[in-house]
Amino acid sequence: MADLLDMGGYGFYVWLSYAVFFAVLAIDYVAPRLRRRSVLREVAAQARRQQRRSSGAAP
């Protein structure tokens, strides 16, 4: 088991590389979903403002 973790002295680099890869993969998965929520909220707010303007302009 220790040999697997040590990997001939390169274990730290190898496992750190895996950790960075999976962290970037997770961020790459989550970031667009968070951005989508933000954009949907902005679009909904803009639609409400536009609806208020159009209903207020015509009596």
PDB file of N, CA and C in Angstrom:
ATOM      1  N   MET A   1       0.823  -1.193   0.000  1.00  0.00           N
ATOM      2  CA  MET A   1       0.000   0.000   0.000  1.00  0.00           C
ATOM      3  C   MET A   1       0.872   1.264   0.000  1.00  0.00           C
ATOM      4  N   ALA A   2       1.946   1.213   0.784  1.00  0.00           N
ATOM      5  CA  ALA A   2       2.849   2.366   0.845  1.00  0.00           C
ATOM      6  C   ALA A   2       3.508   2.606  -0.511  1.00  0.00           C
ATOM      7  N   ASP A   3       3.818   1.521  -1.226  1.00  0.00           N
ATOM      8  CA  ASP A   3       4.426   1.675  -2.561  1.00  0.00           C
ATOM      9  C   ASP A   3       3.458   2.349  -3.527  1.00  0.00           C
ATOM     10  N   LEU A   4       2.186   2.030  -3.386  1.00  0.00           N
ATOM     11  CA  LEU A   4       1.181   2.652  -4.252  1.00  0.00           C
ATOM     12  C   LEU A   4       1.119   4.157  -3.997  1.00  0.00           C
ATOM     13  N   LEU A   5       1.153   4.544  -2.736  1.00  0.00           N
ATOM     14  CA  LEU A   5       1.083   5.972  -2.401  1.00  0.00           C
ATOM     15  C   LEU A   5       2.380   6.697  -2.731  1.00  0.00           C
ATOM     16  N   ASP A   6       3.510   6.025  -2.572  1.00  0.00           N
ATOM     17  CA  ASP A   6       4.810   6.653  -2.810  1.00  0.00           C
ATOM     18  C   ASP A   6       5.123   6.758  -4.298  1.00  0.00           C
ATOM     19  N   MET A   7       4.773   5.766  -5.078  1.00  0.00           N
ATOM     20  CA  MET A   7       4.987   5.721  -6.528  1.00  0.00           C
ATOM     21  C   MET A   7       6.420   6.061  -6.917  1.00  0.00           C
ATOM     22  N   GLY A   8       7.340   5.412  -6.265  1.00  0.00           N
ATOM     23  CA  GLY A   8       8.752   5.585  -6.612  1.00  0.00           C
ATOM     24  C   GLY A   8       9.279   6.982  -6.329  1.00  0.00           C
ATOM     25  N   GLY A   9       8.723   7.656  -5.349  1.00  0.00           N
ATOM     26  CA  GLY A   9       9.186   9.001  -4.997  1.00  0.00           C
ATOM     27  C   GLY A   9       8.405  10.110  -5.683  1.00  0.00           C
ATOM     28  N   TYR A  10       7.525   9.745  -6.597  1.00  0.00           N
ATOM     29  CA  TYR A  10       6.744  10.750  -7.321  1.00  0.00           C
ATOM     30  C   TYR A  10       5.296  10.809  -6.849  1.00  0.00           C
ATOM     31  N   GLY A  11       4.995  10.152  -5.773  1.00  0.00           N
ATOM     32  CA  GLY A  11       3.623  10.064  -5.275  1.00  0.00           C
ATOM     33  C   GLY A  11       2.998  11.419  -4.997  1.00  0.00           C
ATOM     34  N   PHE A  12       3.747  12.312  -4.365  1.00  0.00           N
ATOM     35  CA  PHE A  12       3.196  13.631  -4.050  1.00  0.00           C
ATOM     36  C   PHE A  12       2.748  14.345  -5.327  1.00  0.00           C
ATOM     37  N   TYR A  13       3.604  14.336  -6.344  1.00  0.00           N
ATOM     38  CA  TYR A  13       3.280  14.995  -7.610  1.00  0.00           C
ATOM     39  C   TYR A  13       2.085  14.324  -8.285  1.00  0.00           C
ATOM     40  N   VAL A  14       2.088  13.003  -8.304  1.00  0.00           N
ATOM     41  CA  VAL A  14       1.017  12.266  -8.982  1.00  0.00           C
ATOM     42  C   VAL A  14      -0.319  12.510  -8.292  1.00  0.00           C
ATOM     43  N   TRP A  15      -0.370  12.345  -6.971  1.00  0.00           N
ATOM     44  CA  TRP A  15      -1.648  12.513  -6.257  1.00  0.00           C
ATOM     45  C   TRP A  15      -2.102  13.967  -6.255  1.00  0.00           C
ATOM     46  N   LEU A  16      -1.150  14.889  -6.200  1.00  0.00           N
ATOM     47  CA  LEU A  16      -1.509  16.301  -6.299  1.00  0.00           C
ATOM     48  C   LEU A  16      -2.088  16.608  -7.679  1.00  0.00           C
ATOM     49  N   SER A  17      -1.528  16.007  -8.703  1.00  0.00           N
ATOM     50  CA  SER A  17      -2.050  16.192 -10.059  1.00  0.00           C
ATOM     51  C   SER A  17      -3.475  15.662 -10.171  1.00  0.00           C
ATOM     52  N   TYR A  18      -3.721  14.490  -9.602  1.00  0.00           N
ATOM     53  CA  TYR A  18      -5.081  13.945  -9.594  1.00  0.00           C
ATOM     54  C   TYR A  18      -6.038  14.872  -8.841  1.00  0.00           C
ATOM     55  N   ALA A  19      -5.605  15.375  -7.709  1.00  0.00           N
ATOM     56  CA  ALA A  19      -6.456  16.256  -6.904  1.00  0.00           C
ATOM     57  C   ALA A  19      -6.794  17.539  -7.667  1.00  0.00           C
ATOM     58  N   VAL A  20      -5.800  18.125  -8.307  1.00  0.00           N
ATOM     59  CA  VAL A  20      -6.031  19.347  -9.082  1.00  0.00           C
ATOM     60  C   VAL A  20      -6.955  19.058 -10.257  1.00  0.00           C
ATOM     61  N   PHE A  21      -6.747  17.931 -10.920  1.00  0.00           N
ATOM     62  CA  PHE A  21      -7.599  17.557 -12.046  1.00  0.00           C
ATOM     63  C   PHE A  21      -9.055  17.444 -11.615  1.00  0.00           C
ATOM     64  N   PHE A  22      -9.308  16.722 -10.527  1.00  0.00           N
ATOM     65  CA  PHE A  22     -10.686  16.536 -10.082  1.00  0.00           C
ATOM     66  C   PHE A  22     -11.294  17.832  -9.537  1.00  0.00           C
ATOM     67  N   ALA A  23     -10.476  18.690  -8.936  1.00  0.00           N
ATOM     68  CA  ALA A  23     -10.984  19.980  -8.481  1.00  0.00           C
ATOM     69  C   ALA A  23     -11.403  20.840  -9.673  1.00  0.00           C
ATOM     70  N   VAL A  24     -10.585  20.876 -10.711  1.00  0.00           N
ATOM     71  CA  VAL A  24     -10.923  21.643 -11.911  1.00  0.00           C
ATOM     72  C   VAL A  24     -12.139  21.049 -12.597  1.00  0.00           C
ATOM     73  N   LEU A  25     -12.230  19.742 -12.630  1.00  0.00           N
ATOM     74  CA  LEU A  25     -13.380  19.071 -13.211  1.00  0.00           C
ATOM     75  C   LEU A  25     -14.667  19.441 -12.459  1.00  0.00           C
ATOM     76  N   ALA A  26     -14.602  19.461 -11.141  1.00  0.00           N
ATOM     77  CA  ALA A  26     -15.767  19.831 -10.331  1.00  0.00           C
ATOM     78  C   ALA A  26     -16.154  21.293 -10.567  1.00  0.00           C
ATOM     79  N   ILE A  27     -15.175  22.170 -10.603  1.00  0.00           N
ATOM     80  CA  ILE A  27     -15.452  23.587 -10.849  1.00  0.00           C
ATOM     81  C   ILE A  27     -16.037  23.767 -12.239  1.00  0.00           C
ATOM     82  N   ASP A  28     -15.504  23.039 -13.205  1.00  0.00           N
ATOM     83  CA  ASP A  28     -16.000  23.124 -14.575  1.00  0.00           C
ATOM     84  C   ASP A  28     -17.436  22.627 -14.679  1.00  0.00           C
ATOM     85  N   TYR A  29     -17.833  21.751 -13.793  1.00  0.00           N
ATOM     86  CA  TYR A  29     -19.203  21.234 -13.774  1.00  0.00           C
ATOM     87  C   TYR A  29     -20.154  22.206 -13.067  1.00  0.00           C
ATOM     88  N   VAL A  30     -19.707  22.802 -11.967  1.00  0.00           N
ATOM     89  CA  VAL A  30     -20.567  23.638 -11.128  1.00  0.00           C
ATOM     90  C   VAL A  30     -20.699  25.067 -11.652  1.00  0.00           C
ATOM     91  N   ALA A  31     -19.638  25.648 -12.145  1.00  0.00           N
ATOM     92  CA  ALA A  31     -19.635  27.060 -12.538  1.00  0.00           C
ATOM     93  C   ALA A  31     -20.717  27.414 -13.565  1.00  0.00           C
ATOM     94  N   PRO A  32     -20.894  26.663 -14.637  1.00  0.00           N
ATOM     95  CA  PRO A  32     -21.942  27.033 -15.595  1.00  0.00           C
ATOM     96  C   PRO A  32     -23.350  26.959 -14.999  1.00  0.00           C
ATOM     97  N   ARG A  33     -23.559  26.027 -14.080  1.00  0.00           N
ATOM     98  CA  ARG A  33     -24.879  25.924 -13.453  1.00  0.00           C
ATOM     99  C   ARG A  33     -25.159  27.127 -12.562  1.00  0.00           C
ATOM    100  N   LEU A  34     -24.152  27.592 -11.837  1.00  0.00           N
ATOM    101  CA  LEU A  34     -24.326  28.784 -11.015  1.00  0.00           C
ATOM    102  C   LEU A  34     -24.547  30.011 -11.899  1.00  0.00           C
ATOM    103  N   ARG A  35     -23.808  30.084 -12.976  1.00  0.00           N
ATOM    104  CA  ARG A  35     -23.958  31.208 -13.903  1.00  0.00           C
ATOM    105  C   ARG A  35     -25.346  31.190 -14.536  1.00  0.00           C
ATOM    106  N   ARG A  36     -25.854  30.015 -14.861  1.00  0.00           N
ATOM    107  CA  ARG A  36     -27.185  29.890 -15.466  1.00  0.00           C
ATOM    108  C   ARG A  36     -28.251  30.424 -14.521  1.00  0.00           C
ATOM    109  N   ARG A  37     -28.145  30.083 -13.244  1.00  0.00           N
ATOM    110  CA  ARG A  37     -29.107  30.603 -12.257  1.00  0.00           C
ATOM    111  C   ARG A  37     -29.083  32.123 -12.224  1.00  0.00           C
ATOM    112  N   SER A  38     -27.882  32.677 -12.225  1.00  0.00           N
ATOM    113  CA  SER A  38     -27.728  34.123 -12.183  1.00  0.00           C
ATOM    114  C   SER A  38     -28.340  34.778 -13.418  1.00  0.00           C
ATOM    115  N   VAL A  39     -28.076  34.205 -14.580  1.00  0.00           N
ATOM    116  CA  VAL A  39     -28.610  34.759 -15.826  1.00  0.00           C
ATOM    117  C   VAL A  39     -30.131  34.659 -15.849  1.00  0.00           C
ATOM    118  N   LEU A  40     -30.683  33.542 -15.386  1.00  0.00           N
ATOM    119  CA  LEU A  40     -32.139  33.394 -15.354  1.00  0.00           C
ATOM    120  C   LEU A  40     -32.782  34.426 -14.425  1.00  0.00           C
ATOM    121  N   ARG A  41     -32.142  34.675 -13.281  1.00  0.00           N
ATOM    122  CA  ARG A  41     -32.659  35.711 -12.378  1.00  0.00           C
ATOM    123  C   ARG A  41     -32.616  37.089 -13.033  1.00  0.00           C
ATOM    124  N   GLU A  42     -31.525  37.393 -13.716  1.00  0.00           N
ATOM    125  CA  GLU A  42     -31.408  38.683 -14.393  1.00  0.00           C
ATOM    126  C   GLU A  42     -32.465  38.838 -15.479  1.00  0.00           C
ATOM    127  N   VAL A  43     -32.696  37.790 -16.253  1.00  0.00           N
ATOM    128  CA  VAL A  43     -33.688  37.844 -17.323  1.00  0.00           C
ATOM    129  C   VAL A  43     -35.093  38.011 -16.739  1.00  0.00           C
ATOM    130  N   ALA A  44     -35.390  37.304 -15.661  1.00  0.00           N
ATOM    131  CA  ALA A  44     -36.701  37.427 -15.026  1.00  0.00           C
ATOM    132  C   ALA A  44     -36.907  38.840 -14.486  1.00  0.00           C
ATOM    133  N   ALA A  45     -35.896  39.411 -13.871  1.00  0.00           N
ATOM    134  CA  ALA A  45     -35.999  40.776 -13.352  1.00  0.00           C
ATOM    135  C   ALA A  45     -36.186  41.773 -14.493  1.00  0.00           C
ATOM    136  N   GLN A  46     -35.476  41.573 -15.571  1.00  0.00           N
ATOM    137  CA  GLN A  46     -35.607  42.461 -16.727  1.00  0.00           C
ATOM    138  C   GLN A  46     -37.007  42.338 -17.324  1.00  0.00           C
ATOM    139  N   ALA A  47     -37.551  41.138 -17.390  1.00  0.00           N
ATOM    140  CA  ALA A  47     -38.903  40.944 -17.919  1.00  0.00           C
ATOM    141  C   ALA A  47     -39.936  41.625 -17.029  1.00  0.00           C
ATOM    142  N   ARG A  48     -39.756  41.535 -15.704  1.00  0.00           N
ATOM    143  CA  ARG A  48     -40.680  42.220 -14.783  1.00  0.00           C
ATOM    144  C   ARG A  48     -40.618  43.731 -14.955  1.00  0.00           C
ATOM    145  N   ARG A  49     -39.396  44.262 -15.088  1.00  0.00           N
ATOM    146  CA  ARG A  49     -39.256  45.714 -15.297  1.00  0.00           C
ATOM    147  C   ARG A  49     -39.926  46.134 -16.597  1.00  0.00           C
ATOM    148  N   GLN A  50     -39.702  45.366 -17.636  1.00  0.00           N
ATOM    149  CA  GLN A  50     -40.279  45.690 -18.931  1.00  0.00           C
ATOM    150  C   GLN A  50     -41.804  45.596 -18.878  1.00  0.00           C
ATOM    151  N   GLN A  51     -42.322  44.614 -18.160  1.00  0.00           N
ATOM    152  CA  GLN A  51     -43.765  44.469 -18.043  1.00  0.00           C
ATOM    153  C   GLN A  51     -44.360  45.646 -17.260  1.00  0.00           C
ATOM    154  N   ARG A  52     -43.677  46.066 -16.198  1.00  0.00           N
ATOM    155  CA  ARG A  52     -44.153  47.224 -15.425  1.00  0.00           C
ATOM    156  C   ARG A  52     -44.170  48.476 -16.279  1.00  0.00           C
ATOM    157  N   ARG A  53     -43.131  48.656 -17.102  1.00  0.00           N
ATOM    158  CA  ARG A  53     -43.071  49.839 -17.970  1.00  0.00           C
ATOM    159  C   ARG A  53     -44.215  49.826 -18.973  1.00  0.00           C
ATOM    160  N   SER A  54     -44.455  48.674 -19.580  1.00  0.00           N
ATOM    161  CA  SER A  54     -45.500  48.624 -20.614  1.00  0.00           C
ATOM    162  C   SER A  54     -46.896  48.746 -20.002  1.00  0.00           C
ATOM    163  N   SER A  55     -47.103  48.207 -18.811  1.00  0.00           N
ATOM    164  CA  SER A  55     -48.425  48.335 -18.204  1.00  0.00           C
ATOM    165  C   SER A  55     -48.635  49.723 -17.616  1.00  0.00           C
ATOM    166  N   GLY A  56     -47.572  50.382 -17.208  1.00  0.00           N
ATOM    167  CA  GLY A  56     -47.691  51.750 -16.669  1.00  0.00           C
ATOM    168  C   GLY A  56     -47.833  52.798 -17.746  1.00  0.00           C
ATOM    169  N   ALA A  57     -47.323  52.530 -18.939  1.00  0.00           N
ATOM    170  CA  ALA A  57     -47.366  53.508 -20.028  1.00  0.00           C
ATOM    171  C   ALA A  57     -48.738  53.581 -20.662  1.00  0.00           C
ATOM    172  N   ALA A  58     -49.452  52.473 -20.731  1.00  0.00           N
ATOM    173  CA  ALA A  58     -50.782  52.462 -21.363  1.00  0.00           C
ATOM    174  C   ALA A  58     -51.850  52.339 -20.287  1.00  0.00           C
ATOM    175  N   PRO A  59     -52.642  53.397 -20.089  1.00  0.00           N
ATOM    176  CA  PRO A  59     -53.663  53.374 -19.015  1.00  0.00           C
ATOM    177  C   PRO A  59     -54.820  52.468 -19.321  1.00  0.00           C
TER     178      PRO A  59
END
